[in-house]
C-alpha atoms as a PDB file:
ATOM      1  CA  MET A   1     -56.866 -47.151  48.922  1.00  0.00           C
ATOM      2  CA  GLN A   2     -57.676 -48.310  45.589  1.00  0.00           C
ATOM      3  CA  ALA A   3     -59.629 -45.038  45.095  1.00  0.00           C
ATOM      4  CA  VAL A   4     -57.113 -43.381  46.415  1.00  0.00           C
ATOM      5  CA  PHE A   5     -53.974 -44.531  43.847  1.00  0.00           C
ATOM      6  CA  PRO A   6     -56.250 -43.292  40.329  1.00  0.00           C
ATOM      7  CA  ILE A   7     -56.247 -39.687  42.044  1.00  0.00           C
ATOM      8  CA  LEU A   8     -52.824 -39.868  42.346  1.00  0.00           C
ATOM      9  CA  LEU A   9     -52.072 -40.609  39.410  1.00  0.00           C
ATOM     10  CA  THR A  10     -54.159 -38.294  37.887  1.00  0.00           C
ATOM     11  CA  PHE A  11     -52.848 -35.495  39.796  1.00  0.00           C
ATOM     12  CA  LEU A  12     -49.431 -36.544  38.515  1.00  0.00           C
ATOM     13  CA  ALA A  13     -49.975 -37.120  35.235  1.00  0.00           C
ATOM     14  CA  LEU A  14     -51.480 -33.253  35.410  1.00  0.00           C
ATOM     15  CA  ALA A  15     -47.985 -32.246  37.091  1.00  0.00           C
ATOM     16  CA  VAL A  16     -45.692 -33.426  34.180  1.00  0.00           C
ATOM     17  CA  ILE A  17     -48.096 -32.358  31.507  1.00  0.00           C
ATOM     18  CA  LEU A  18     -47.894 -29.013  33.489  1.00  0.00           C
ATOM     19  CA  THR A  19     -43.764 -29.019  33.670  1.00  0.00           C
ATOM     20  CA  SER A  20     -43.676 -30.464  30.257  1.00  0.00           C
ATOM     21  CA  PHE A  21     -44.549 -26.468  28.936  1.00  0.00           C
ATOM     22  CA  VAL A  22     -42.156 -23.267  29.785  1.00  0.00           C
ATOM     23  CA  SER A  23     -42.707 -19.722  28.794  1.00  0.00           C
ATOM     24  CA  ILE A  24     -39.470 -17.444  27.047  1.00  0.00           C
ATOM     25  CA  GLN A  25     -40.124 -14.032  27.849  1.00  0.00           C
ATOM     26  CA  GLN A  26     -39.578 -11.490  24.711  1.00  0.00           C
ATOM     27  CA  GLY A  27     -36.033 -10.212  24.330  1.00  0.00           C
ATOM     28  CA  THR A  28     -34.810 -13.493  25.750  1.00  0.00           C
ATOM     29  CA  VAL A  29     -33.848 -16.937  24.887  1.00  0.00           C
ATOM     30  CA  ALA A  30     -33.106 -20.509  26.764  1.00  0.00           C
ATOM     31  CA  VAL A  31     -30.781 -22.929  26.736  1.00  0.00           C
ATOM     32  CA  THR A  32     -31.620 -26.822  27.710  1.00  0.00           C
ATOM     33  CA  THR A  33     -29.909 -29.536  28.682  1.00  0.00           C
ATOM     34  CA  ILE A  34     -31.043 -33.314  29.046  1.00  0.00           C
ATOM     35  CA  PHE A  35     -27.990 -35.487  31.979  1.00  0.00           C
ATOM     36  CA  GLY A  36     -26.088 -31.891  31.665  1.00  0.00           C
ATOM     37  CA  LYS A  37     -25.483 -31.070  27.889  1.00  0.00           C
ATOM     38  CA  TYR A  38     -26.228 -28.679  25.745  1.00  0.00           C
ATOM     39  CA  ASN A  39     -29.693 -29.773  23.886  1.00  0.00           C
ATOM     40  CA  ARG A  40     -31.119 -27.003  22.055  1.00  0.00           C
ATOM     41  CA  ILE A  41     -32.265 -23.234  22.601  1.00  0.00           C
ATOM     42  CA  LEU A  42     -36.159 -22.126  23.348  1.00  0.00           C
ATOM     43  CA  HIS A  43     -37.029 -19.348  21.456  1.00  0.00           C
ATOM     44  CA  PRO A  44     -39.199 -16.826  22.917  1.00  0.00           C
ATOM     45  CA  GLY A  45     -42.873 -17.812  23.279  1.00  0.00           C
ATOM     46  CA  LEU A  46     -44.566 -20.996  24.702  1.00  0.00           C
ATOM     47  CA  ASN A  47     -42.363 -24.326  24.688  1.00  0.00           C
ATOM     48  CA  PHE A  48     -42.781 -27.695  25.268  1.00  0.00           C
ATOM     49  CA  LYS A  49     -40.243 -29.776  26.043  1.00  0.00           C
ATOM     50  CA  ILE A  50     -39.452 -33.626  27.948  1.00  0.00           C
ATOM     51  CA  PRO A  51     -40.613 -33.592  31.028  1.00  0.00           C
ATOM     52  CA  ILE A  52     -38.124 -34.618  33.878  1.00  0.00           C
ATOM     53  CA  ILE A  53     -34.915 -34.767  31.782  1.00  0.00           C
ATOM     54  CA  GLU A  54     -35.317 -31.893  29.732  1.00  0.00           C
ATOM     55  CA  LYS A  55     -34.258 -28.671  32.243  1.00  0.00           C
ATOM     56  CA  VAL A  56     -33.644 -24.935  31.398  1.00  0.00           C
ATOM     57  CA  PHE A  57     -30.224 -24.531  31.969  1.00  0.00           C
ATOM     58  CA  LYS A  58     -30.229 -20.513  31.686  1.00  0.00           C
ATOM     59  CA  LYS A  59     -32.112 -17.610  30.418  1.00  0.00           C
ATOM     60  CA  ILE A  60     -30.032 -15.676  28.194  1.00  0.00           C
ATOM     61  CA  SER A  61     -31.481 -11.627  27.446  1.00  0.00           C
ATOM     62  CA  ILE A  62     -29.979 -10.655  23.889  1.00  0.00           C
ATOM     63  CA  GLN A  63     -30.869  -6.987  24.379  1.00  0.00           C
ATOM     64  CA  ASN A  64     -29.102  -4.310  25.087  1.00  0.00           C
ATOM     65  CA  ARG A  65     -27.066  -3.918  28.306  1.00  0.00           C
ATOM     66  CA  SER A  66     -25.208  -1.187  30.112  1.00  0.00           C
ATOM     67  CA  ALA A  67     -22.644  -1.536  32.652  1.00  0.00           C
ATOM     68  CA  GLU A  68     -19.869   1.584  34.431  1.00  0.00           C
ATOM     69  CA  MET A  69     -16.465   1.306  35.271  1.00  0.00           C
ATOM     70  CA  GLY A  70     -14.251   3.308  36.613  1.00  0.00           C
ATOM     71  CA  PHE A  71     -10.172   2.706  36.841  1.00  0.00           C
ATOM     72  CA  GLN A  72      -7.340   4.566  36.764  1.00  0.00           C
ATOM     73  CA  ALA A  73      -3.668   4.686  34.250  1.00  0.00           C
ATOM     74  CA  VAL A  74      -0.763   5.505  34.520  1.00  0.00           C
ATOM     75  CA  THR A  75       0.760   8.124  32.041  1.00  0.00           C
ATOM     76  CA  ILE A  76       4.414   7.554  30.193  1.00  0.00           C
ATOM     77  CA  ASP A  77       5.403  10.689  32.514  1.00  0.00           C
ATOM     78  CA  GLN A  78       4.221   8.959  35.695  1.00  0.00           C
ATOM     79  CA  ALA A  79       0.718  10.907  35.928  1.00  0.00           C
ATOM     80  CA  ASN A  80      -1.647   9.172  37.205  1.00  0.00           C
ATOM     81  CA  VAL A  81      -6.057   9.300  35.187  1.00  0.00           C
ATOM     82  CA  ASN A  82      -8.582   8.721  36.072  1.00  0.00           C
ATOM     83  CA  PHE A  83     -11.610   7.688  34.075  1.00  0.00           C
ATOM     84  CA  THR A  84     -14.950   6.687  33.535  1.00  0.00           C
ATOM     85  CA  ALA A  85     -16.459   4.887  31.238  1.00  0.00           C
ATOM     86  CA  MET A  86     -19.827   3.987  30.324  1.00  0.00           C
ATOM     87  CA  LEU A  87     -20.020   0.781  27.963  1.00  0.00           C
ATOM     88  CA  LEU A  88     -22.848  -0.797  25.913  1.00  0.00           C
ATOM     89  CA  TYR A  89     -23.322  -4.466  24.856  1.00  0.00           C
ATOM     90  CA  ALA A  90     -25.376  -7.049  24.001  1.00  0.00           C
ATOM     91  CA  VAL A  91     -25.091 -10.643  22.313  1.00  0.00           C
ATOM     92  CA  PHE A  92     -24.117 -10.977  19.170  1.00  0.00           C
ATOM     93  CA  ASN A  93     -26.670 -13.030  17.411  1.00  0.00           C
ATOM     94  CA  THR A  94     -29.205 -15.369  17.722  1.00  0.00           C
ATOM     95  CA  ASP A  95     -27.082 -18.135  16.301  1.00  0.00           C
ATOM     96  CA  GLU A  96     -26.999 -21.337  18.340  1.00  0.00           C
ATOM     97  CA  GLN A  97     -23.340 -21.605  18.857  1.00  0.00           C
ATOM     98  CA  THR A  98     -23.409 -17.838  19.827  1.00  0.00           C
ATOM     99  CA  ILE A  99     -25.577 -19.026  22.225  1.00  0.00           C
ATOM    100  CA  LYS A 100     -23.587 -21.385  23.236  1.00  0.00           C
ATOM    101  CA  SER A 101     -20.711 -19.393  23.772  1.00  0.00           C
ATOM    102  CA  VAL A 102     -22.696 -17.321  25.419  1.00  0.00           C
ATOM    103  CA  ALA A 103     -24.552 -19.891  28.266  1.00  0.00           C
ATOM    104  CA  PHE A 104     -21.048 -21.398  28.614  1.00  0.00           C
ATOM    105  CA  LYS A 105     -18.636 -19.214  28.787  1.00  0.00           C
ATOM    106  CA  PHE A 106     -18.791 -17.713  32.021  1.00  0.00           C
ATOM    107  CA  ILE A 107     -20.130 -18.492  35.212  1.00  0.00           C
ATOM    108  CA  ASP A 108     -22.554 -15.977  35.816  1.00  0.00           C
ATOM    109  CA  GLU A 109     -23.443 -13.032  34.742  1.00  0.00           C
ATOM    110  CA  ARG A 110     -20.883 -11.655  37.789  1.00  0.00           C
ATOM    111  CA  ASN A 111     -17.518 -12.927  36.195  1.00  0.00           C
ATOM    112  CA  LEU A 112     -18.353 -11.746  32.546  1.00  0.00           C
ATOM    113  CA  MET A 113     -18.772  -8.320  34.023  1.00  0.00           C
ATOM    114  CA  GLN A 114     -15.832  -8.524  35.554  1.00  0.00           C
ATOM    115  CA  ALA A 115     -13.629 -10.365  32.569  1.00  0.00           C
ATOM    116  CA  LEU A 116     -15.219  -7.588  30.540  1.00  0.00           C
ATOM    117  CA  VAL A 117     -14.358  -4.873  33.057  1.00  0.00           C
ATOM    118  CA  ARG A 118     -10.767  -6.004  33.086  1.00  0.00           C
ATOM    119  CA  SER A 119     -10.529  -6.260  29.005  1.00  0.00           C
ATOM    120  CA  VAL A 120     -11.073  -2.344  29.319  1.00  0.00           C
ATOM    121  CA  GLU A 121      -8.693  -1.446  31.688  1.00  0.00           C
ATOM    122  CA  GLY A 122      -6.615  -3.003  30.487  1.00  0.00           C
ATOM    123  CA  SER A 123      -6.547  -1.489  26.786  1.00  0.00           C
ATOM    124  CA  VAL A 124      -6.975   1.942  27.735  1.00  0.00           C
ATOM    125  CA  ARG A 125      -3.847   1.158  30.107  1.00  0.00           C
ATOM    126  CA  ALA A 126      -1.950  -0.108  27.611  1.00  0.00           C
ATOM    127  CA  PHE A 127      -2.667   2.643  25.814  1.00  0.00           C
ATOM    128  CA  VAL A 128      -1.760   5.675  28.051  1.00  0.00           C
ATOM    129  CA  ALA A 129       0.972   4.127  29.147  1.00  0.00           C
ATOM    130  CA  THR A 130       2.679   5.043  25.497  1.00  0.00           C
ATOM    131  CA  LYS A 131       1.738   8.367  25.773  1.00  0.00           C
ATOM    132  CA  LYS A 132       2.303  12.523  28.061  1.00  0.00           C
ATOM    133  CA  GLN A 133      -0.628  13.380  30.326  1.00  0.00           C
ATOM    134  CA  SER A 134      -0.207  16.625  28.165  1.00  0.00           C
ATOM    135  CA  GLU A 135      -1.801  14.454  25.595  1.00  0.00           C
ATOM    136  CA  VAL A 136      -4.619  12.542  26.499  1.00  0.00           C
ATOM    137  CA  LEU A 137      -7.703  14.727  26.958  1.00  0.00           C
ATOM    138  CA  LEU A 138      -6.297  15.046  23.351  1.00  0.00           C
ATOM    139  CA  LEU A 139      -6.977  12.110  22.585  1.00  0.00           C
ATOM    140  CA  ARG A 140     -10.147  10.645  24.185  1.00  0.00           C
ATOM    141  CA  ARG A 141     -11.516   9.814  20.734  1.00  0.00           C
ATOM    142  CA  ASP A 142      -8.167   7.574  20.136  1.00  0.00           C
ATOM    143  CA  ILE A 143      -8.223   6.033  23.130  1.00  0.00           C
ATOM    144  CA  VAL A 144     -12.242   4.717  22.112  1.00  0.00           C
ATOM    145  CA  LEU A 145     -11.541   3.887  18.981  1.00  0.00           C
ATOM    146  CA  GLU A 146      -8.385   1.505  20.359  1.00  0.00           C
ATOM    147  CA  ILE A 147     -10.278   0.194  22.880  1.00  0.00           C
ATOM    148  CA  LYS A 148     -13.076  -1.062  20.626  1.00  0.00           C
ATOM    149  CA  ASP A 149     -10.764  -2.807  18.019  1.00  0.00           C
ATOM    150  CA  GLN A 150      -9.110  -4.792  20.853  1.00  0.00           C
ATOM    151  CA  LEU A 151     -12.602  -5.179  22.604  1.00  0.00           C
ATOM    152  CA  ASP A 152     -14.498  -6.400  19.895  1.00  0.00           C
ATOM    153  CA  LYS A 153     -12.978  -9.438  18.597  1.00  0.00           C
ATOM    154  CA  THR A 154     -12.721 -10.431  22.727  1.00  0.00           C
ATOM    155  CA  LEU A 155     -16.483 -10.062  23.049  1.00  0.00           C
ATOM    156  CA  GLU A 156     -17.064 -11.924  20.128  1.00  0.00           C
ATOM    157  CA  GLU A 157     -15.340 -14.633  21.340  1.00  0.00           C
ATOM    158  CA  TRP A 158     -17.569 -15.038  24.085  1.00  0.00           C
ATOM    159  CA  GLY A 159     -20.933 -14.205  21.769  1.00  0.00           C
ATOM    160  CA  TYR A 160     -21.065 -10.577  22.654  1.00  0.00           C
ATOM    161  CA  HIS A 161     -20.447  -7.417  20.083  1.00  0.00           C
ATOM    162  CA  LEU A 162     -19.719  -4.105  21.573  1.00  0.00           C
ATOM    163  CA  ILE A 163     -22.441  -1.735  20.660  1.00  0.00           C
ATOM    164  CA  ASP A 164     -20.617   1.573  21.845  1.00  0.00           C
ATOM    165  CA  LEU A 165     -18.263   3.194  24.348  1.00  0.00           C
ATOM    166  CA  GLN A 166     -17.732   6.552  26.338  1.00  0.00           C
ATOM    167  CA  LEU A 167     -15.354   8.205  28.284  1.00  0.00           C
ATOM    168  CA  ASN A 168     -17.141  10.772  30.279  1.00  0.00           C
ATOM    169  CA  ASP A 169     -14.558  12.138  32.595  1.00  0.00           C
ATOM    170  CA  ILE A 170     -10.949  11.318  32.037  1.00  0.00           C
ATOM    171  CA  THR A 171      -9.236  14.133  35.557  1.00  0.00           C
ATOM    172  CA  PHE A 172      -5.790  13.531  37.009  1.00  0.00           C
ATOM    173  CA  ASP A 173      -4.702  14.203  40.813  1.00  0.00           C
ATOM    174  CA  GLU A 174      -4.597  16.880  42.741  1.00  0.00           C
ATOM    175  CA  GLU A 175      -1.792  17.721  42.552  1.00  0.00           C
ATOM    176  CA  VAL A 176      -0.942  17.242  37.965  1.00  0.00           C
ATOM    177  CA  ILE A 177      -4.791  19.336  38.156  1.00  0.00           C
ATOM    178  CA  ARG A 178      -2.756  21.975  40.143  1.00  0.00           C
ATOM    179  CA  SER A 179       0.762  21.917  37.651  1.00  0.00           C
ATOM    180  CA  MET A 180      -1.673  22.019  34.740  1.00  0.00           C
ATOM    181  CA  ALA A 181      -3.288  24.736  35.737  1.00  0.00           C
ATOM    182  CA  LYS A 182       0.107  26.873  36.460  1.00  0.00           C
ATOM    183  CA  VAL A 183       1.221  25.647  32.482  1.00  0.00           C
ATOM    184  CA  VAL A 184      -1.904  26.444  31.209  1.00  0.00           C
ATOM    185  CA  ALA A 185      -1.422  30.295  33.298  1.00  0.00           C
ATOM    186  CA  SER A 186       2.300  31.107  32.249  1.00  0.00           C
ATOM    187  CA  ASN A 187       1.693  30.572  29.094  1.00  0.00           C
ATOM    188  CA  ASN A 188      -0.790  32.827  29.497  1.00  0.00           C
ATOM    189  CA  LEU A 189       1.457  35.287  30.393  1.00  0.00           C
ATOM    190  CA  LYS A 190       3.814  34.390  27.546  1.00  0.00           C
ATOM    191  CA  ALA A 191       1.175  35.095  24.831  1.00  0.00           C
ATOM    192  CA  ALA A 192       0.141  38.155  26.250  1.00  0.00           C
ATOM    193  CA  ALA A 193       3.308  39.315  26.738  1.00  0.00           C
ATOM    194  CA  GLU A 194       4.129  38.301  23.214  1.00  0.00           C
ATOM    195  CA  ASN A 195       1.122  40.301  22.250  1.00  0.00           C
ATOM    196  CA  GLU A 196       1.506  43.479  24.202  1.00  0.00           C
ATOM    197  CA  GLY A 197       5.043  43.760  22.693  1.00  0.00           C
ATOM    198  CA  GLN A 198       3.876  43.216  19.584  1.00  0.00           C
ATOM    199  CA  ALA A 199       1.155  45.974  20.053  1.00  0.00           C
ATOM    200  CA  LEU A 200       3.615  48.079  20.847  1.00  0.00           C
ATOM    201  CA  LEU A 201       6.393  47.468  18.060  1.00  0.00           C
ATOM    202  CA  ILE A 202       3.592  48.444  15.527  1.00  0.00           C
ATOM    203  CA  THR A 203       2.435  51.069  17.513  1.00  0.00           C
ATOM    204  CA  LYS A 204       6.021  52.442  17.680  1.00  0.00           C
ATOM    205  CA  THR A 205       6.189  51.470  13.828  1.00  0.00           C
ATOM    206  CA  LYS A 206       3.266  53.055  13.181  1.00  0.00           C
ATOM    207  CA  GLY A 207       4.673  56.336  15.094  1.00  0.00           C
ATOM    208  CA  ALA A 208       7.566  56.129  13.237  1.00  0.00           C
ATOM    209  CA  GLU A 209       5.552  55.849   9.205  1.00  0.00           C
ATOM    210  CA  ALA A 210       3.443  58.756  10.736  1.00  0.00           C
ATOM    211  CA  GLU A 211       6.415  61.349  11.562  1.00  0.00           C
ATOM    212  CA  GLY A 212       8.215  59.705   8.245  1.00  0.00           C
ATOM    213  CA  ASN A 213       5.479  60.752   6.631  1.00  0.00           C
ATOM    214  CA  ALA A 214       5.210  64.013   8.099  1.00  0.00           C
ATOM    215  CA  ILE A 215       8.694  65.237   7.322  1.00  0.00           C
ATOM    216  CA  LYS A 216       8.154  64.149   3.924  1.00  0.00           C
ATOM    217  CA  ILE A 217       5.532  65.996   3.459  1.00  0.00           C
ATOM    218  CA  ALA A 218       6.807  69.277   5.703  1.00  0.00           C
ATOM    219  CA  ALA A 219       9.789  69.023   2.855  1.00  0.00           C
ATOM    220  CA  GLN A 220       8.118  68.949   0.243  1.00  0.00           C
ATOM    221  CA  ALA A 221       6.144  71.853   0.733  1.00  0.00           C
ATOM    222  CA  GLU A 222       9.264  73.774   1.786  1.00  0.00           C
ATOM    223  CA  LYS A 223      10.339  72.358  -1.419  1.00  0.00           C
ATOM    224  CA  ASP A 224       7.829  73.796  -2.626  1.00  0.00           C
ATOM    225  CA  ALA A 225       7.489  77.109  -1.250  1.00  0.00           C
ATOM    226  CA  ALA A 226      11.166  78.085  -2.238  1.00  0.00           C
ATOM    227  CA  GLN A 227      10.645  76.995  -5.547  1.00  0.00           C
ATOM    228  CA  LEU A 228       7.997  79.510  -5.475  1.00  0.00           C
ATOM    229  CA  ARG A 229       9.758  82.376  -3.598  1.00  0.00           C
ATOM    230  CA  GLY A 230      12.485  81.547  -6.546  1.00  0.00           C
ATOM    231  CA  GLN A 231       9.844  81.826  -9.543  1.00  0.00           C
ATOM    232  CA  GLY A 232       8.729  85.539  -7.649  1.00  0.00           C
ATOM    233  CA  VAL A 233      11.750  86.925  -7.645  1.00  0.00           C
ATOM    234  CA  ALA A 234      12.866  86.236 -10.752  1.00  0.00           C
ATOM    235  CA  LEU A 235       9.658  87.253 -12.146  1.00  0.00           C
ATOM    236  CA  PHE A 236      10.607  90.003  -9.864  1.00  0.00           C
ATOM    237  CA  ARG A 237      13.285  91.525 -11.226  1.00  0.00           C
ATOM    238  CA  GLU A 238      11.716  90.479 -15.005  1.00  0.00           C
ATOM    239  CA  GLU A 239       9.549  93.070 -14.627  1.00  0.00           C
ATOM    240  CA  VAL A 240      12.065  95.376 -13.249  1.00  0.00           C
ATOM    241  CA  ALA A 241      14.245  95.173 -16.016  1.00  0.00           C
ATOM    242  CA  ARG A 242      11.370  95.253 -18.172  1.00  0.00           C
ATOM    243  CA  GLY A 243      10.578  98.343 -16.612  1.00  0.00           C
ATOM    244  CA  MET A 244      13.787  99.476 -16.551  1.00  0.00           C
ATOM    245  CA  SER A 245      14.607  99.120 -20.501  1.00  0.00           C
ATOM    246  CA  GLN A 246      11.664 101.353 -21.118  1.00  0.00           C
ATOM    247  CA  SER A 247      12.358 104.108 -18.935  1.00  0.00           C
ATOM    248  CA  ALA A 248      15.624 103.786 -20.369  1.00  0.00           C
ATOM    249  CA  LYS A 249      14.099 103.891 -23.734  1.00  0.00           C
ATOM    250  CA  LEU A 250      12.333 106.244 -22.699  1.00  0.00           C
ATOM    251  CA  MET A 251      15.251 108.749 -21.569  1.00  0.00           C
ATOM    252  CA  GLN A 252      17.579 108.526 -24.241  1.00  0.00           C
ATOM    253  CA  ASP A 253      14.712 109.768 -26.820  1.00  0.00           C
ATOM    254  CA  ALA A 254      14.285 112.514 -24.275  1.00  0.00           C
ATOM    255  CA  ASN A 255      18.014 112.288 -25.081  1.00  0.00           C
ATOM    256  CA  LEU A 256      18.653 112.305 -20.966  1.00  0.00           C
ATOM    257  CA  ASP A 257      21.642 110.214 -18.973  1.00  0.00           C
ATOM    258  CA  ALA A 258      19.455 106.753 -17.700  1.00  0.00           C
ATOM    259  CA  SER A 259      21.864 106.760 -14.739  1.00  0.00           C
ATOM    260  CA  LEU A 260      19.186 109.249 -13.366  1.00  0.00           C
ATOM    261  CA  ILE A 261      16.927 106.044 -13.608  1.00  0.00           C
ATOM    262  CA  LEU A 262      19.234 104.302 -11.242  1.00  0.00           C
ATOM    263  CA  PHE A 263      19.783 107.572  -8.357  1.00  0.00           C
ATOM    264  CA  SER A 264      15.877 107.281  -8.349  1.00  0.00           C
ATOM    265  CA  MET A 265      14.919 104.415  -7.472  1.00  0.00           C
ATOM    266  CA  TRP A 266      18.314 104.525  -4.802  1.00  0.00           C
ATOM    267  CA  THR A 267      16.319 107.990  -3.290  1.00  0.00           C
ATOM    268  CA  GLU A 268      13.262 105.791  -3.100  1.00  0.00           C
ATOM    269  CA  ALA A 269      15.137 102.802  -1.377  1.00  0.00           C
ATOM    270  CA  VAL A 270      16.747 105.173   1.411  1.00  0.00           C
ATOM    271  CA  LYS A 271      13.396 107.123   1.674  1.00  0.00           C
ATOM    272  CA  ASN A 272      11.842 103.911   2.251  1.00  0.00           C
ATOM    273  CA  PHE A 273      14.241 103.275   4.887  1.00  0.00           C
ATOM    274  CA  ALA A 274      13.523 105.916   6.562  1.00  0.00           C
ATOM    275  CA  GLU A 275       9.438 105.408   5.952  1.00  0.00           C
ATOM    276  CA  HIS A 276       9.643 102.043   7.161  1.00  0.00           C
ATOM    277  CA  GLY A 277      12.179 101.501   9.197  1.00  0.00           C
ATOM    278  CA  LYS A 278      11.657 100.285  13.056  1.00  0.00           C
ATOM    279  CA  GLY A 279      15.071 101.965  15.105  1.00  0.00           C
ATOM    280  CA  ASN A 280      17.812 100.428  12.614  1.00  0.00           C
ATOM    281  CA  VAL A 281      20.716 102.438  12.282  1.00  0.00           C
ATOM    282  CA  ILE A 282      21.562 102.394   8.578  1.00  0.00           C
ATOM    283  CA  PHE A 283      25.017 104.376   7.082  1.00  0.00           C
ATOM    284  CA  LEU A 284      25.370 105.971   3.971  1.00  0.00           C
ATOM    285  CA  ASP A 285      27.580 107.854   2.042  1.00  0.00           C
ATOM    286  CA  GLY A 286      26.879 111.241   1.103  1.00  0.00           C
ATOM    287  CA  SER A 287      28.907 112.181  -0.115  1.00  0.00           C
ATOM    288  CA  THR A 288      30.280 113.196  -4.123  1.00  0.00           C
ATOM    289  CA  GLU A 289      32.620 110.450  -4.078  1.00  0.00           C
ATOM    290  CA  GLY A 290      30.598 107.770  -2.504  1.00  0.00           C
ATOM    291  CA  MET A 291      27.643 108.832  -4.542  1.00  0.00           C
ATOM    292  CA  GLN A 292      28.926 108.313  -7.796  1.00  0.00           C
ATOM    293  CA  GLN A 293      30.655 104.925  -6.641  1.00  0.00           C
ATOM    294  CA  THR A 294      27.663 103.921  -5.617  1.00  0.00           C
ATOM    295  CA  MET A 295      25.701 105.025  -9.458  1.00  0.00           C
ATOM    296  CA  ARG A 296      29.021 103.014 -10.991  1.00  0.00           C
ATOM    297  CA  GLN A 297      27.795 100.044  -9.490  1.00  0.00           C
ATOM    298  CA  MET A 298      24.364  99.826 -10.285  1.00  0.00           C
ATOM    299  CA  MET A 299      24.595 100.845 -13.363  1.00  0.00           C
ATOM    300  CA  ALA A 300      26.970  97.920 -13.363  1.00  0.00           C
ATOM    301  CA  ILE A 301      24.941  95.948 -12.051  1.00  0.00           C
ATOM    302  CA  SER A 302      21.589  96.806 -15.055  1.00  0.00           C
ATOM    303  CA  LYS A 303      23.910  95.828 -17.821  1.00  0.00           C
ATOM    304  CA  MET A 304      24.508  92.601 -15.852  1.00  0.00           C
ATOM    305  CA  ASP A 305      20.794  91.970 -16.276  1.00  0.00           C
ATOM    306  CA  VAL A 306      20.781  92.601 -19.175  1.00  0.00           C
ATOM    307  CA  LYS A 307      23.579  90.312 -20.449  1.00  0.00           C
ATOM    308  CA  ASP A 308      21.893  87.749 -18.482  1.00  0.00           C
ATOM    309  CA  LYS A 309      17.858  88.999 -19.906  1.00  0.00           C
ATOM    310  CA  LYS A 310      19.759  88.497 -23.355  1.00  0.00           C
END
């Protein structure tokens, strides 16, 4: 019996020595207590602790943690919006006060996650409740910034900080999606009708402009043609007058009556009517009195042309 006692004492001493050392993994810190009261923080590596009375209360990971959550919010126009979010967070730092907050604020990780999810849901619902359903999809970034601004303060009190928050999916109820699709379709039809009207207006306008330009061009061409015809007639009359004046001078030099020239022109005209007429009937007064009257009229016209020339 006396031989067994030293052996038991040796085993007991060995057990005490072995339990006096604790190994902490990298990326983790441990909080110890003595008689249930906070004592100190153990850092990664091999640590010595007071046997029996000093206990490891909790091991805390200082690595990044992620959590996915899904929840629903209601817009100001009573549309249900479904959110799927990914939350990335970590312990704020390894300061003693921060680690104490992380170790003693919540009973366990489940309660921490529950509070975290409810905080995110509350922030999103409060923000979405002031917006219309048509605005929600466009405000994804604003929603994230609003949640971060509010959640950072809360997490710091718990010893954590928010690294990133992403809204991976934002969806509406089936009925809302159908109504939104109808709105988009009607807007597209409206835009198409407006574009078609604008295209028709442009076509009509361009057609009217082209027609107006064609009329202007035709009018200008007619004006130029009329001017050229007038100039041609004037030149013709000028040449006729010049030829008649030369012929009259020759007749006077030969002591002949100049009226013979007009008579010759009149007979040439009658001859031309006869040769080139196409079924037209022309009545000429061939009496002496008629011929005399025609000669007087032609001489009067000739004298008027000479006066106009001068």
